[in-house]
Amino acid sequence: MTHKVIQPEGWAPAKGYANGVLTEGGTLYVGGQIGWNAQQVFEVHDFIGQMEQALRNIVAVVEAAGGAPEDIVRLTWFVTSKRTYLAHQREIGDMYRRVLGRVFPAMSMLVVSELVEDEALLEIEATAQIDR
């Protein structure tokens, strides 16, 4: 099976991983995205802001592969605070719809003690099916 590494234009190079891998069959695996920008700088330090940036990063990888948010079929969320997530349900829903619209893929959420990047409050990975 052949595959293509996906790297959105203008993004700082990923070190030791791929932001996305597109298979010959059109399945796109998006590596875990955190709340930093294309230059790997955290511009926001709050939970909702980082969640929005992580989702925007996922959309950027999907679009770089030729897809659209509607092609996302799975999201796996890793959050460092269940309490923060539960306390912001309404804001999360509003922000989610702003970024992804009415796209509701299969989802899982895990609460983790920490992430590799110390400033990261969450990480989201995605799978998309791009049939173009």
N, C-alpha and C. Protein backbone atom coordinates (compact mmCIF):
# COMPACT_ATOMS: atom_id res chain seq x y z
N MET A 1 0.85 -1.17 0.00
CA MET A 1 0.00 0.00 0.00
C MET A 1 0.90 1.24 0.00
N THR A 2 0.55 2.20 -0.82
CA THR A 2 1.31 3.45 -0.83
C THR A 2 0.53 4.51 -0.07
N HIS A 3 1.25 5.47 0.42
CA HIS A 3 0.61 6.57 1.13
C HIS A 3 1.39 7.85 0.88
N LYS A 4 0.73 8.96 1.19
CA LYS A 4 1.32 10.28 0.98
C LYS A 4 1.29 11.05 2.29
N VAL A 5 2.41 11.64 2.65
CA VAL A 5 2.48 12.48 3.85
C VAL A 5 1.84 13.83 3.50
N ILE A 6 0.97 14.30 4.38
CA ILE A 6 0.27 15.56 4.18
C ILE A 6 0.83 16.61 5.14
N GLN A 7 1.26 17.72 4.59
CA GLN A 7 1.81 18.83 5.37
C GLN A 7 1.21 20.11 4.80
N PRO A 8 0.34 20.78 5.55
CA PRO A 8 -0.24 22.02 5.04
C PRO A 8 0.85 23.04 4.67
N GLU A 9 0.61 23.76 3.60
CA GLU A 9 1.56 24.76 3.12
C GLU A 9 1.78 25.83 4.18
N GLY A 10 3.04 26.17 4.40
CA GLY A 10 3.38 27.22 5.34
C GLY A 10 3.54 26.77 6.78
N TRP A 11 3.26 25.51 7.06
CA TRP A 11 3.41 25.00 8.43
C TRP A 11 4.88 24.69 8.71
N ALA A 12 5.30 24.90 9.93
CA ALA A 12 6.63 24.47 10.35
C ALA A 12 6.70 22.95 10.20
N PRO A 13 7.87 22.44 9.82
CA PRO A 13 7.98 20.98 9.64
C PRO A 13 7.70 20.21 10.92
N ALA A 14 6.98 19.11 10.78
CA ALA A 14 6.75 18.20 11.90
C ALA A 14 8.05 17.44 12.15
N LYS A 15 8.40 17.29 13.41
CA LYS A 15 9.67 16.62 13.73
C LYS A 15 9.39 15.25 14.32
N GLY A 16 9.67 14.21 13.55
CA GLY A 16 9.51 12.84 14.04
C GLY A 16 8.12 12.26 13.85
N TYR A 17 7.24 12.97 13.15
CA TYR A 17 5.89 12.48 12.91
C TYR A 17 5.34 13.17 11.66
N ALA A 18 4.19 12.75 11.21
CA ALA A 18 3.52 13.40 10.08
C ALA A 18 2.23 14.03 10.60
N ASN A 19 1.92 15.22 10.12
CA ASN A 19 0.64 15.83 10.48
C ASN A 19 -0.52 15.06 9.88
N GLY A 20 -0.29 14.46 8.73
CA GLY A 20 -1.32 13.65 8.11
C GLY A 20 -0.71 12.62 7.18
N VAL A 21 -1.39 11.49 7.04
CA VAL A 21 -0.98 10.44 6.11
C VAL A 21 -2.23 10.02 5.35
N LEU A 22 -2.18 10.16 4.02
CA LEU A 22 -3.29 9.81 3.15
C LEU A 22 -2.97 8.50 2.46
N THR A 23 -3.84 7.50 2.63
CA THR A 23 -3.61 6.21 2.00
C THR A 23 -4.14 6.21 0.57
N GLU A 24 -3.73 5.24 -0.18
CA GLU A 24 -4.18 5.08 -1.56
C GLU A 24 -5.70 4.95 -1.63
N GLY A 25 -6.30 4.38 -0.61
CA GLY A 25 -7.75 4.19 -0.57
C GLY A 25 -8.53 5.43 -0.14
N GLY A 26 -7.83 6.53 0.16
CA GLY A 26 -8.50 7.77 0.52
C GLY A 26 -8.72 7.99 2.00
N THR A 27 -8.17 7.10 2.84
CA THR A 27 -8.29 7.32 4.28
C THR A 27 -7.16 8.24 4.71
N LEU A 28 -7.54 9.31 5.40
CA LEU A 28 -6.58 10.27 5.91
C LEU A 28 -6.50 10.12 7.42
N TYR A 29 -5.31 9.90 7.91
CA TYR A 29 -5.06 9.84 9.34
C TYR A 29 -4.37 11.14 9.74
N VAL A 30 -5.01 11.92 10.59
CA VAL A 30 -4.46 13.19 11.04
C VAL A 30 -3.84 12.96 12.41
N GLY A 31 -2.55 13.22 12.49
CA GLY A 31 -1.84 13.09 13.77
C GLY A 31 -2.42 14.03 14.80
N GLY A 32 -2.22 13.73 16.06
CA GLY A 32 -2.76 14.55 17.14
C GLY A 32 -2.40 16.02 16.98
N GLN A 33 -3.42 16.85 16.98
CA GLN A 33 -3.23 18.30 16.85
C GLN A 33 -3.50 18.97 18.18
N ILE A 34 -2.66 19.93 18.51
CA ILE A 34 -2.79 20.67 19.76
C ILE A 34 -3.09 22.12 19.44
N GLY A 35 -3.17 22.95 20.46
CA GLY A 35 -3.59 24.33 20.30
C GLY A 35 -2.52 25.31 19.89
N TRP A 36 -1.55 24.88 19.12
CA TRP A 36 -0.58 25.84 18.60
C TRP A 36 -0.86 26.14 17.15
N ASN A 37 -0.25 27.22 16.65
CA ASN A 37 -0.49 27.65 15.28
C ASN A 37 0.45 26.93 14.31
N ALA A 38 0.41 27.35 13.06
CA ALA A 38 1.21 26.70 12.00
C ALA A 38 2.71 26.77 12.25
N GLN A 39 3.13 27.73 13.07
CA GLN A 39 4.56 27.87 13.39
C GLN A 39 4.90 27.24 14.74
N GLN A 40 3.97 26.44 15.26
CA GLN A 40 4.15 25.71 16.52
C GLN A 40 4.33 26.64 17.72
N VAL A 41 3.53 27.72 17.71
CA VAL A 41 3.53 28.69 18.80
C VAL A 41 2.13 28.73 19.41
N PHE A 42 2.05 28.70 20.72
CA PHE A 42 0.76 28.82 21.40
C PHE A 42 0.39 30.30 21.48
N GLU A 43 -0.65 30.69 20.76
CA GLU A 43 -1.15 32.07 20.82
C GLU A 43 -2.23 32.19 21.89
N VAL A 44 -2.86 31.09 22.23
CA VAL A 44 -3.92 31.08 23.24
C VAL A 44 -3.55 30.07 24.32
N HIS A 45 -4.00 30.37 25.53
CA HIS A 45 -3.59 29.53 26.65
C HIS A 45 -4.79 29.00 27.44
N ASP A 46 -5.99 29.26 26.93
CA ASP A 46 -7.18 28.76 27.60
C ASP A 46 -7.71 27.53 26.87
N PHE A 47 -8.54 26.77 27.55
CA PHE A 47 -9.04 25.49 27.03
C PHE A 47 -9.81 25.66 25.73
N ILE A 48 -10.78 26.59 25.69
CA ILE A 48 -11.61 26.77 24.51
C ILE A 48 -10.75 27.27 23.33
N GLY A 49 -9.88 28.20 23.60
CA GLY A 49 -9.01 28.72 22.54
C GLY A 49 -8.11 27.65 21.95
N GLN A 50 -7.55 26.81 22.81
CA GLN A 50 -6.70 25.73 22.31
C GLN A 50 -7.52 24.68 21.57
N MET A 51 -8.73 24.42 22.02
CA MET A 51 -9.58 23.46 21.33
C MET A 51 -9.92 23.98 19.94
N GLU A 52 -10.25 25.24 19.84
CA GLU A 52 -10.57 25.82 18.54
C GLU A 52 -9.37 25.73 17.60
N GLN A 53 -8.18 26.08 18.10
CA GLN A 53 -6.99 26.01 17.26
C GLN A 53 -6.70 24.58 16.83
N ALA A 54 -6.83 23.61 17.74
CA ALA A 54 -6.60 22.21 17.38
C ALA A 54 -7.56 21.76 16.28
N LEU A 55 -8.84 22.13 16.40
CA LEU A 55 -9.81 21.76 15.37
C LEU A 55 -9.50 22.46 14.04
N ARG A 56 -9.09 23.72 14.11
CA ARG A 56 -8.70 24.44 12.87
C ARG A 56 -7.48 23.78 12.23
N ASN A 57 -6.56 23.29 13.07
CA ASN A 57 -5.40 22.56 12.54
C ASN A 57 -5.84 21.29 11.82
N ILE A 58 -6.79 20.57 12.41
CA ILE A 58 -7.31 19.36 11.77
C ILE A 58 -7.93 19.70 10.42
N VAL A 59 -8.75 20.73 10.38
CA VAL A 59 -9.37 21.14 9.11
C VAL A 59 -8.29 21.50 8.09
N ALA A 60 -7.22 22.17 8.51
CA ALA A 60 -6.15 22.53 7.58
C ALA A 60 -5.49 21.29 6.98
N VAL A 61 -5.27 20.26 7.79
CA VAL A 61 -4.67 19.03 7.28
C VAL A 61 -5.63 18.33 6.32
N VAL A 62 -6.90 18.26 6.69
CA VAL A 62 -7.91 17.63 5.83
C VAL A 62 -7.98 18.36 4.49
N GLU A 63 -8.01 19.68 4.53
CA GLU A 63 -8.08 20.46 3.28
C GLU A 63 -6.81 20.31 2.46
N ALA A 64 -5.65 20.22 3.11
CA ALA A 64 -4.39 20.02 2.39
C ALA A 64 -4.38 18.68 1.65
N ALA A 65 -5.17 17.74 2.13
CA ALA A 65 -5.27 16.42 1.49
C ALA A 65 -6.36 16.40 0.42
N GLY A 66 -7.04 17.53 0.23
CA GLY A 66 -8.10 17.59 -0.77
C GLY A 66 -9.49 17.33 -0.23
N GLY A 67 -9.63 17.33 1.08
CA GLY A 67 -10.92 17.04 1.70
C GLY A 67 -11.58 18.27 2.28
N ALA A 68 -12.65 18.04 3.00
CA ALA A 68 -13.43 19.08 3.67
C ALA A 68 -13.85 18.55 5.03
N PRO A 69 -14.29 19.43 5.93
CA PRO A 69 -14.70 18.96 7.26
C PRO A 69 -15.72 17.82 7.22
N GLU A 70 -16.59 17.83 6.22
CA GLU A 70 -17.61 16.77 6.12
C GLU A 70 -17.00 15.38 5.91
N ASP A 71 -15.73 15.34 5.52
CA ASP A 71 -15.05 14.06 5.29
C ASP A 71 -14.51 13.43 6.58
N ILE A 72 -14.53 14.18 7.67
CA ILE A 72 -14.03 13.67 8.95
C ILE A 72 -15.00 12.62 9.49
N VAL A 73 -14.50 11.42 9.77
CA VAL A 73 -15.36 10.33 10.24
C VAL A 73 -15.09 9.94 11.69
N ARG A 74 -13.97 10.41 12.25
CA ARG A 74 -13.65 10.05 13.64
C ARG A 74 -12.76 11.11 14.25
N LEU A 75 -13.03 11.43 15.51
CA LEU A 75 -12.17 12.31 16.31
C LEU A 75 -11.88 11.60 17.62
N THR A 76 -10.64 11.63 18.04
CA THR A 76 -10.26 11.12 19.35
C THR A 76 -9.64 12.28 20.12
N TRP A 77 -10.24 12.59 21.24
CA TRP A 77 -9.84 13.74 22.06
C TRP A 77 -9.07 13.24 23.28
N PHE A 78 -8.00 13.94 23.61
CA PHE A 78 -7.23 13.70 24.82
C PHE A 78 -7.24 15.02 25.58
N VAL A 79 -7.88 15.05 26.75
CA VAL A 79 -7.95 16.28 27.54
C VAL A 79 -7.26 16.06 28.88
N THR A 80 -6.66 17.13 29.38
CA THR A 80 -5.96 17.01 30.65
C THR A 80 -6.84 17.33 31.85
N SER A 81 -8.06 17.84 31.60
CA SER A 81 -8.95 18.15 32.71
C SER A 81 -10.40 17.85 32.36
N LYS A 82 -10.92 16.79 32.92
CA LYS A 82 -12.33 16.45 32.74
C LYS A 82 -13.21 17.56 33.31
N ARG A 83 -12.82 18.10 34.43
CA ARG A 83 -13.59 19.15 35.09
C ARG A 83 -13.72 20.38 34.18
N THR A 84 -12.63 20.79 33.56
CA THR A 84 -12.68 21.95 32.65
C THR A 84 -13.56 21.65 31.46
N TYR A 85 -13.43 20.47 30.90
CA TYR A 85 -14.27 20.10 29.76
C TYR A 85 -15.75 20.15 30.14
N LEU A 86 -16.12 19.55 31.23
CA LEU A 86 -17.52 19.51 31.64
C LEU A 86 -18.07 20.90 32.00
N ALA A 87 -17.21 21.77 32.51
CA ALA A 87 -17.64 23.11 32.92
C ALA A 87 -17.89 24.04 31.73
N HIS A 88 -17.44 23.65 30.54
CA HIS A 88 -17.53 24.53 29.38
C HIS A 88 -18.33 23.93 28.22
N GLN A 89 -19.28 23.07 28.53
CA GLN A 89 -20.03 22.37 27.48
C GLN A 89 -20.66 23.30 26.44
N ARG A 90 -21.33 24.34 26.89
CA ARG A 90 -22.01 25.25 25.95
C ARG A 90 -20.99 25.96 25.04
N GLU A 91 -19.91 26.48 25.63
CA GLU A 91 -18.87 27.16 24.84
C GLU A 91 -18.22 26.19 23.85
N ILE A 92 -18.00 24.97 24.30
CA ILE A 92 -17.41 23.95 23.43
C ILE A 92 -18.33 23.70 22.23
N GLY A 93 -19.62 23.53 22.49
CA GLY A 93 -20.57 23.29 21.40
C GLY A 93 -20.61 24.44 20.41
N ASP A 94 -20.64 25.68 20.92
CA ASP A 94 -20.67 26.85 20.05
C ASP A 94 -19.41 26.93 19.19
N MET A 95 -18.26 26.75 19.82
CA MET A 95 -16.99 26.82 19.10
C MET A 95 -16.88 25.68 18.09
N TYR A 96 -17.28 24.49 18.47
CA TYR A 96 -17.23 23.32 17.58
C TYR A 96 -18.03 23.61 16.31
N ARG A 97 -19.24 24.11 16.46
CA ARG A 97 -20.09 24.40 15.29
C ARG A 97 -19.48 25.52 14.43
N ARG A 98 -18.81 26.49 15.06
CA ARG A 98 -18.14 27.55 14.29
C ARG A 98 -17.06 26.98 13.38
N VAL A 99 -16.35 25.98 13.87
CA VAL A 99 -15.22 25.42 13.11
C VAL A 99 -15.67 24.29 12.18
N LEU A 100 -16.47 23.37 12.68
CA LEU A 100 -16.83 22.18 11.90
C LEU A 100 -18.27 22.17 11.39
N GLY A 101 -19.05 23.13 11.80
CA GLY A 101 -20.44 23.14 11.36
C GLY A 101 -21.22 22.02 12.02
N ARG A 102 -22.06 21.36 11.24
CA ARG A 102 -22.91 20.29 11.78
C ARG A 102 -22.33 18.92 11.41
N VAL A 103 -21.03 18.79 11.52
CA VAL A 103 -20.32 17.53 11.26
C VAL A 103 -20.15 16.83 12.61
N PHE A 104 -20.72 15.64 12.73
CA PHE A 104 -20.65 14.90 14.00
C PHE A 104 -20.13 13.49 13.75
N PRO A 105 -18.79 13.34 13.65
CA PRO A 105 -18.22 12.01 13.44
C PRO A 105 -18.26 11.17 14.71
N ALA A 106 -17.87 9.93 14.58
CA ALA A 106 -17.68 9.08 15.76
C ALA A 106 -16.59 9.72 16.62
N MET A 107 -16.79 9.72 17.93
CA MET A 107 -15.82 10.39 18.81
C MET A 107 -15.56 9.57 20.05
N SER A 108 -14.34 9.72 20.53
CA SER A 108 -13.94 9.18 21.83
C SER A 108 -13.21 10.29 22.56
N MET A 109 -13.29 10.27 23.90
CA MET A 109 -12.55 11.23 24.70
C MET A 109 -11.86 10.49 25.83
N LEU A 110 -10.61 10.82 26.01
CA LEU A 110 -9.83 10.25 27.09
C LEU A 110 -9.28 11.37 27.94
N VAL A 111 -9.27 11.17 29.24
CA VAL A 111 -8.66 12.12 30.15
C VAL A 111 -7.27 11.59 30.46
N VAL A 112 -6.27 12.45 30.23
CA VAL A 112 -4.87 12.04 30.41
C VAL A 112 -4.22 12.96 31.44
N SER A 113 -3.17 12.49 32.06
CA SER A 113 -2.52 13.29 33.10
C SER A 113 -1.69 14.43 32.52
N GLU A 114 -1.11 14.24 31.34
CA GLU A 114 -0.35 15.30 30.70
C GLU A 114 -0.10 14.94 29.24
N LEU A 115 0.34 15.96 28.50
CA LEU A 115 0.67 15.78 27.08
C LEU A 115 2.14 16.14 26.89
N VAL A 116 2.71 15.77 25.76
CA VAL A 116 4.13 15.99 25.52
C VAL A 116 4.49 17.47 25.57
N GLU A 117 3.68 18.32 24.94
CA GLU A 117 3.92 19.77 25.00
C GLU A 117 3.31 20.31 26.29
N ASP A 118 4.13 20.87 27.15
CA ASP A 118 3.67 21.31 28.47
C ASP A 118 2.52 22.31 28.42
N GLU A 119 2.48 23.19 27.42
CA GLU A 119 1.42 24.20 27.34
C GLU A 119 0.11 23.64 26.82
N ALA A 120 0.14 22.46 26.21
CA ALA A 120 -1.07 21.89 25.61
C ALA A 120 -2.05 21.41 26.67
N LEU A 121 -3.31 21.82 26.51
CA LEU A 121 -4.37 21.41 27.43
C LEU A 121 -5.19 20.27 26.85
N LEU A 122 -5.05 20.03 25.55
CA LEU A 122 -5.76 18.95 24.90
C LEU A 122 -5.05 18.61 23.60
N GLU A 123 -5.37 17.45 23.06
CA GLU A 123 -4.86 17.00 21.76
C GLU A 123 -6.00 16.25 21.09
N ILE A 124 -6.15 16.46 19.79
CA ILE A 124 -7.24 15.80 19.05
C ILE A 124 -6.64 15.17 17.80
N GLU A 125 -6.94 13.90 17.58
CA GLU A 125 -6.55 13.25 16.33
C GLU A 125 -7.81 12.95 15.55
N ALA A 126 -7.64 12.79 14.24
CA ALA A 126 -8.81 12.62 13.38
C ALA A 126 -8.54 11.59 12.30
N THR A 127 -9.64 11.03 11.78
CA THR A 127 -9.60 10.18 10.60
C THR A 127 -10.64 10.73 9.65
N ALA A 128 -10.27 10.82 8.39
CA ALA A 128 -11.22 11.30 7.36
C ALA A 128 -11.20 10.32 6.19
N GLN A 129 -12.28 10.28 5.47
CA GLN A 129 -12.36 9.48 4.25
C GLN A 129 -12.56 10.44 3.09
N ILE A 130 -11.53 10.53 2.26
CA ILE A 130 -11.54 11.48 1.15
C ILE A 130 -11.69 10.71 -0.15
N ASP A 131 -12.87 10.78 -0.73
CA ASP A 131 -13.16 10.07 -1.97
C ASP A 131 -13.29 11.08 -3.11
N ARG A 132 -12.17 11.57 -3.57
CA ARG A 132 -12.19 12.56 -4.63
C ARG A 132 -11.33 12.13 -5.77
